[in-house]
Amino acid sequence: MKKLLVILSLAMFSTATLQASHASDLKKGQRIFKKKFRKKCGFSGVRFARKHTQMEWEDIWDDGRFQQEAKKICPRLKLKRIKHRWWPYVYKFSHEYAKDSAHVPHC
């Protein structure tokens, strides 16, 4: 019984940690979009993310075409000004708030 309680508490802790990490990644992606993309794109993150469904964003990311797709959506965006380590956060943001998602970001 004691082992079961320990296992359950560890499972709950790890789930909560993963959810908090996912939420912080989304917020970071949203902040990056607001600071680095919004002026160049001329529209909000909602409009950017809703250009594709979640599956389409996954395919674009897996094929390594995410940066080119961002440039296609926002032609004035200067890719060299976006740090390489920021792209995964912008992808997670775009994927989470895609066309087929029920979530709406605040940006």
N, C-alpha and C. Protein backbone atom coordinates (compact mmCIF):
# COMPACT_ATOMS: atom_id res chain seq x y z
N MET A 1 0.82 -1.19 0.00
CA MET A 1 0.00 0.00 0.00
C MET A 1 0.87 1.26 0.00
N LYS A 2 1.92 1.22 0.80
CA LYS A 2 2.80 2.37 0.88
C LYS A 2 3.51 2.63 -0.46
N LYS A 3 3.92 1.54 -1.12
CA LYS A 3 4.58 1.67 -2.42
C LYS A 3 3.62 2.27 -3.45
N LEU A 4 2.37 1.85 -3.39
CA LEU A 4 1.37 2.36 -4.31
C LEU A 4 1.18 3.86 -4.14
N LEU A 5 1.13 4.32 -2.90
CA LEU A 5 0.98 5.75 -2.63
C LEU A 5 2.20 6.54 -3.13
N VAL A 6 3.38 5.98 -2.95
CA VAL A 6 4.59 6.64 -3.42
C VAL A 6 4.58 6.74 -4.94
N ILE A 7 4.21 5.65 -5.60
CA ILE A 7 4.16 5.64 -7.07
C ILE A 7 3.13 6.62 -7.59
N LEU A 8 1.96 6.65 -6.97
CA LEU A 8 0.91 7.58 -7.39
C LEU A 8 1.34 9.03 -7.18
N SER A 9 1.97 9.32 -6.05
CA SER A 9 2.40 10.69 -5.80
C SER A 9 3.50 11.11 -6.77
N LEU A 10 4.41 10.21 -7.11
CA LEU A 10 5.44 10.52 -8.10
C LEU A 10 4.84 10.75 -9.48
N ALA A 11 3.86 9.95 -9.83
CA ALA A 11 3.19 10.12 -11.12
C ALA A 11 2.48 11.46 -11.20
N MET A 12 1.80 11.84 -10.13
CA MET A 12 1.11 13.12 -10.10
C MET A 12 2.10 14.28 -10.17
N PHE A 13 3.21 14.16 -9.47
CA PHE A 13 4.23 15.20 -9.48
C PHE A 13 4.84 15.36 -10.87
N SER A 14 5.16 14.25 -11.51
CA SER A 14 5.78 14.33 -12.84
C SER A 14 4.80 14.88 -13.87
N THR A 15 3.52 14.53 -13.75
CA THR A 15 2.51 15.07 -14.66
C THR A 15 2.38 16.58 -14.47
N ALA A 16 2.34 17.02 -13.24
CA ALA A 16 2.23 18.45 -12.97
C ALA A 16 3.46 19.20 -13.48
N THR A 17 4.63 18.61 -13.33
CA THR A 17 5.86 19.24 -13.81
C THR A 17 5.86 19.36 -15.32
N LEU A 18 5.43 18.30 -16.02
CA LEU A 18 5.37 18.34 -17.47
C LEU A 18 4.38 19.39 -17.97
N GLN A 19 3.24 19.49 -17.31
CA GLN A 19 2.24 20.47 -17.70
C GLN A 19 2.75 21.88 -17.49
N ALA A 20 3.44 22.10 -16.37
CA ALA A 20 4.00 23.43 -16.10
C ALA A 20 5.06 23.78 -17.13
N SER A 21 5.87 22.80 -17.52
CA SER A 21 6.90 23.02 -18.53
C SER A 21 6.27 23.36 -19.87
N HIS A 22 5.22 22.64 -20.23
CA HIS A 22 4.53 22.89 -21.50
C HIS A 22 3.92 24.29 -21.50
N ALA A 23 3.32 24.68 -20.39
CA ALA A 23 2.71 26.01 -20.31
C ALA A 23 3.76 27.10 -20.40
N SER A 24 4.91 26.89 -19.78
CA SER A 24 5.96 27.91 -19.85
C SER A 24 6.54 28.00 -21.26
N ASP A 25 6.63 26.87 -21.97
CA ASP A 25 7.09 26.90 -23.36
C ASP A 25 6.13 27.71 -24.23
N LEU A 26 4.83 27.53 -24.00
CA LEU A 26 3.83 28.28 -24.78
C LEU A 26 3.93 29.77 -24.50
N LYS A 27 4.10 30.12 -23.23
CA LYS A 27 4.21 31.54 -22.88
C LYS A 27 5.47 32.15 -23.48
N LYS A 28 6.56 31.38 -23.47
CA LYS A 28 7.79 31.87 -24.06
C LYS A 28 7.63 32.07 -25.56
N GLY A 29 6.98 31.12 -26.23
CA GLY A 29 6.71 31.26 -27.66
C GLY A 29 5.85 32.47 -27.95
N GLN A 30 4.87 32.70 -27.10
CA GLN A 30 3.98 33.85 -27.26
C GLN A 30 4.76 35.15 -27.09
N ARG A 31 5.64 35.21 -26.08
CA ARG A 31 6.45 36.40 -25.85
C ARG A 31 7.39 36.67 -27.03
N ILE A 32 8.00 35.61 -27.54
CA ILE A 32 8.90 35.77 -28.69
C ILE A 32 8.12 36.31 -29.89
N PHE A 33 6.94 35.76 -30.12
CA PHE A 33 6.13 36.24 -31.24
C PHE A 33 5.81 37.72 -31.06
N LYS A 34 5.37 38.09 -29.86
CA LYS A 34 5.00 39.48 -29.62
C LYS A 34 6.17 40.43 -29.84
N LYS A 35 7.35 40.03 -29.37
CA LYS A 35 8.51 40.93 -29.43
C LYS A 35 9.20 40.93 -30.79
N LYS A 36 9.28 39.79 -31.44
CA LYS A 36 10.11 39.68 -32.64
C LYS A 36 9.34 39.53 -33.95
N PHE A 37 8.13 39.03 -33.89
CA PHE A 37 7.38 38.74 -35.12
C PHE A 37 6.28 39.75 -35.39
N ARG A 38 5.58 40.18 -34.36
CA ARG A 38 4.33 40.92 -34.52
C ARG A 38 4.46 42.16 -35.41
N LYS A 39 5.46 42.98 -35.16
CA LYS A 39 5.61 44.20 -35.97
C LYS A 39 5.92 43.87 -37.42
N LYS A 40 6.78 42.89 -37.63
CA LYS A 40 7.16 42.51 -38.99
C LYS A 40 6.00 41.84 -39.73
N CYS A 41 5.22 41.05 -39.01
CA CYS A 41 4.09 40.36 -39.64
C CYS A 41 2.92 41.31 -39.88
N GLY A 42 2.72 42.22 -38.95
CA GLY A 42 1.60 43.14 -39.08
C GLY A 42 0.28 42.56 -38.59
N PHE A 43 0.36 41.44 -37.90
CA PHE A 43 -0.84 40.83 -37.33
C PHE A 43 -0.47 40.02 -36.09
N SER A 44 -1.49 39.57 -35.39
CA SER A 44 -1.29 38.89 -34.11
C SER A 44 -0.84 37.43 -34.28
N GLY A 45 -0.46 36.86 -33.16
CA GLY A 45 -0.07 35.46 -33.14
C GLY A 45 -1.22 34.53 -33.48
N VAL A 46 -2.44 34.94 -33.17
CA VAL A 46 -3.61 34.12 -33.50
C VAL A 46 -3.68 33.92 -35.01
N ARG A 47 -3.56 35.00 -35.74
CA ARG A 47 -3.64 34.92 -37.20
C ARG A 47 -2.50 34.08 -37.77
N PHE A 48 -1.30 34.22 -37.19
CA PHE A 48 -0.15 33.44 -37.63
C PHE A 48 -0.39 31.95 -37.39
N ALA A 49 -0.76 31.60 -36.17
CA ALA A 49 -0.93 30.20 -35.80
C ALA A 49 -2.08 29.54 -36.56
N ARG A 50 -3.10 30.30 -36.86
CA ARG A 50 -4.28 29.75 -37.52
C ARG A 50 -4.13 29.61 -39.03
N LYS A 51 -2.94 29.82 -39.53
CA LYS A 51 -2.68 29.60 -40.96
C LYS A 51 -2.69 28.11 -41.31
N HIS A 52 -2.45 27.26 -40.30
CA HIS A 52 -2.39 25.81 -40.53
C HIS A 52 -3.06 25.06 -39.38
N THR A 53 -3.39 23.80 -39.65
CA THR A 53 -3.89 22.92 -38.60
C THR A 53 -2.70 22.38 -37.81
N GLN A 54 -2.98 21.73 -36.69
CA GLN A 54 -1.90 21.16 -35.89
C GLN A 54 -1.10 20.13 -36.68
N MET A 55 -1.78 19.31 -37.45
CA MET A 55 -1.09 18.29 -38.26
C MET A 55 -0.20 18.95 -39.31
N GLU A 56 -0.69 20.01 -39.92
CA GLU A 56 0.12 20.71 -40.92
C GLU A 56 1.36 21.33 -40.28
N TRP A 57 1.19 21.93 -39.08
CA TRP A 57 2.35 22.49 -38.38
C TRP A 57 3.36 21.39 -38.05
N GLU A 58 2.87 20.24 -37.62
CA GLU A 58 3.77 19.11 -37.32
C GLU A 58 4.55 18.70 -38.55
N ASP A 59 3.87 18.57 -39.68
CA ASP A 59 4.53 18.19 -40.92
C ASP A 59 5.58 19.22 -41.34
N ILE A 60 5.24 20.49 -41.22
CA ILE A 60 6.16 21.56 -41.58
C ILE A 60 7.39 21.51 -40.67
N TRP A 61 7.17 21.32 -39.38
CA TRP A 61 8.28 21.25 -38.43
C TRP A 61 9.17 20.02 -38.70
N ASP A 62 8.52 18.88 -38.88
CA ASP A 62 9.27 17.63 -39.12
C ASP A 62 10.08 17.67 -40.41
N ASP A 63 9.57 18.38 -41.41
CA ASP A 63 10.27 18.49 -42.69
C ASP A 63 11.36 19.57 -42.66
N GLY A 64 11.47 20.31 -41.55
CA GLY A 64 12.48 21.36 -41.44
C GLY A 64 12.15 22.61 -42.23
N ARG A 65 10.86 22.83 -42.47
CA ARG A 65 10.43 23.98 -43.27
C ARG A 65 9.78 25.09 -42.45
N PHE A 66 9.89 25.02 -41.13
CA PHE A 66 9.17 25.97 -40.29
C PHE A 66 9.64 27.40 -40.51
N GLN A 67 10.93 27.61 -40.59
CA GLN A 67 11.45 28.97 -40.79
C GLN A 67 11.01 29.54 -42.14
N GLN A 68 11.05 28.70 -43.17
CA GLN A 68 10.62 29.17 -44.50
C GLN A 68 9.12 29.47 -44.51
N GLU A 69 8.35 28.67 -43.78
CA GLU A 69 6.91 28.90 -43.71
C GLU A 69 6.62 30.21 -42.97
N ALA A 70 7.36 30.47 -41.91
CA ALA A 70 7.20 31.73 -41.18
C ALA A 70 7.53 32.91 -42.09
N LYS A 71 8.56 32.76 -42.89
CA LYS A 71 8.94 33.82 -43.84
C LYS A 71 7.87 34.00 -44.92
N LYS A 72 7.25 32.89 -45.33
CA LYS A 72 6.18 32.95 -46.33
C LYS A 72 4.95 33.67 -45.76
N ILE A 73 4.64 33.39 -44.50
CA ILE A 73 3.49 34.03 -43.85
C ILE A 73 3.80 35.49 -43.55
N CYS A 74 5.03 35.77 -43.14
CA CYS A 74 5.47 37.13 -42.79
C CYS A 74 6.65 37.51 -43.68
N PRO A 75 6.42 37.99 -44.88
CA PRO A 75 7.51 38.27 -45.81
C PRO A 75 8.55 39.28 -45.31
N ARG A 76 8.16 40.20 -44.44
CA ARG A 76 9.10 41.20 -43.94
C ARG A 76 9.96 40.68 -42.78
N LEU A 77 9.70 39.49 -42.31
CA LEU A 77 10.44 38.90 -41.20
C LEU A 77 11.88 38.63 -41.60
N LYS A 78 12.81 39.06 -40.79
CA LYS A 78 14.23 38.82 -41.04
C LYS A 78 14.65 37.59 -40.24
N LEU A 79 14.84 36.47 -40.93
CA LEU A 79 15.14 35.21 -40.27
C LEU A 79 16.44 35.25 -39.48
N LYS A 80 17.40 36.03 -39.92
CA LYS A 80 18.68 36.11 -39.22
C LYS A 80 18.56 36.79 -37.86
N ARG A 81 17.49 37.54 -37.67
CA ARG A 81 17.28 38.22 -36.39
C ARG A 81 16.60 37.32 -35.35
N ILE A 82 16.10 36.19 -35.78
CA ILE A 82 15.45 35.24 -34.87
C ILE A 82 16.49 34.20 -34.46
N LYS A 83 16.77 34.13 -33.17
CA LYS A 83 17.78 33.19 -32.68
C LYS A 83 17.32 31.76 -32.91
N HIS A 84 18.28 30.92 -33.21
CA HIS A 84 17.99 29.51 -33.52
C HIS A 84 17.24 28.82 -32.37
N ARG A 85 17.60 29.14 -31.15
CA ARG A 85 16.98 28.48 -29.99
C ARG A 85 15.53 28.92 -29.75
N TRP A 86 15.08 30.01 -30.40
CA TRP A 86 13.71 30.49 -30.23
C TRP A 86 12.70 29.73 -31.09
N TRP A 87 13.15 29.15 -32.20
CA TRP A 87 12.22 28.51 -33.13
C TRP A 87 11.38 27.41 -32.51
N PRO A 88 11.92 26.53 -31.66
CA PRO A 88 11.06 25.50 -31.06
C PRO A 88 9.90 26.08 -30.24
N TYR A 89 10.14 27.21 -29.57
CA TYR A 89 9.08 27.84 -28.78
C TYR A 89 8.00 28.43 -29.69
N VAL A 90 8.42 29.04 -30.77
CA VAL A 90 7.44 29.60 -31.72
C VAL A 90 6.64 28.46 -32.36
N TYR A 91 7.32 27.35 -32.65
CA TYR A 91 6.62 26.19 -33.20
C TYR A 91 5.58 25.68 -32.21
N LYS A 92 5.97 25.50 -30.95
CA LYS A 92 5.02 24.99 -29.94
C LYS A 92 3.83 25.92 -29.81
N PHE A 93 4.09 27.21 -29.83
CA PHE A 93 3.01 28.20 -29.79
C PHE A 93 2.09 28.04 -30.99
N SER A 94 2.67 27.95 -32.17
CA SER A 94 1.87 27.81 -33.40
C SER A 94 1.07 26.52 -33.41
N HIS A 95 1.69 25.45 -32.97
CA HIS A 95 1.03 24.15 -32.94
C HIS A 95 -0.14 24.15 -31.95
N GLU A 96 0.07 24.73 -30.78
CA GLU A 96 -0.96 24.74 -29.74
C GLU A 96 -2.19 25.55 -30.15
N TYR A 97 -1.96 26.66 -30.86
CA TYR A 97 -3.05 27.56 -31.22
C TYR A 97 -3.40 27.50 -32.71
N ALA A 98 -3.22 26.35 -33.30
CA ALA A 98 -3.49 26.15 -34.73
C ALA A 98 -4.96 26.32 -35.06
N LYS A 99 -5.25 26.25 -36.34
CA LYS A 99 -6.60 26.43 -36.87
C LYS A 99 -7.62 25.49 -36.23
N ASP A 100 -7.23 24.25 -35.97
CA ASP A 100 -8.15 23.26 -35.43
C ASP A 100 -8.10 23.17 -33.90
N SER A 101 -7.46 24.11 -33.25
CA SER A 101 -7.36 24.11 -31.80
C SER A 101 -8.48 24.93 -31.19
N ALA A 102 -8.92 24.56 -30.00
CA ALA A 102 -9.95 25.31 -29.31
C ALA A 102 -9.36 26.43 -28.47
N HIS A 103 -8.04 26.46 -28.31
CA HIS A 103 -7.36 27.46 -27.49
C HIS A 103 -7.14 28.74 -28.28
N VAL A 104 -7.19 29.87 -27.56
CA VAL A 104 -6.93 31.17 -28.17
C VAL A 104 -5.88 31.89 -27.34
N PRO A 105 -4.77 32.28 -27.96
CA PRO A 105 -3.73 33.00 -27.20
C PRO A 105 -4.12 34.46 -26.98
N HIS A 106 -3.44 35.10 -26.05
CA HIS A 106 -3.70 36.50 -25.75
C HIS A 106 -2.57 37.36 -26.28
N CYS A 107 -2.54 37.55 -27.60
CA CYS A 107 -1.51 38.44 -28.17
C CYS A 107 -2.03 39.10 -29.42
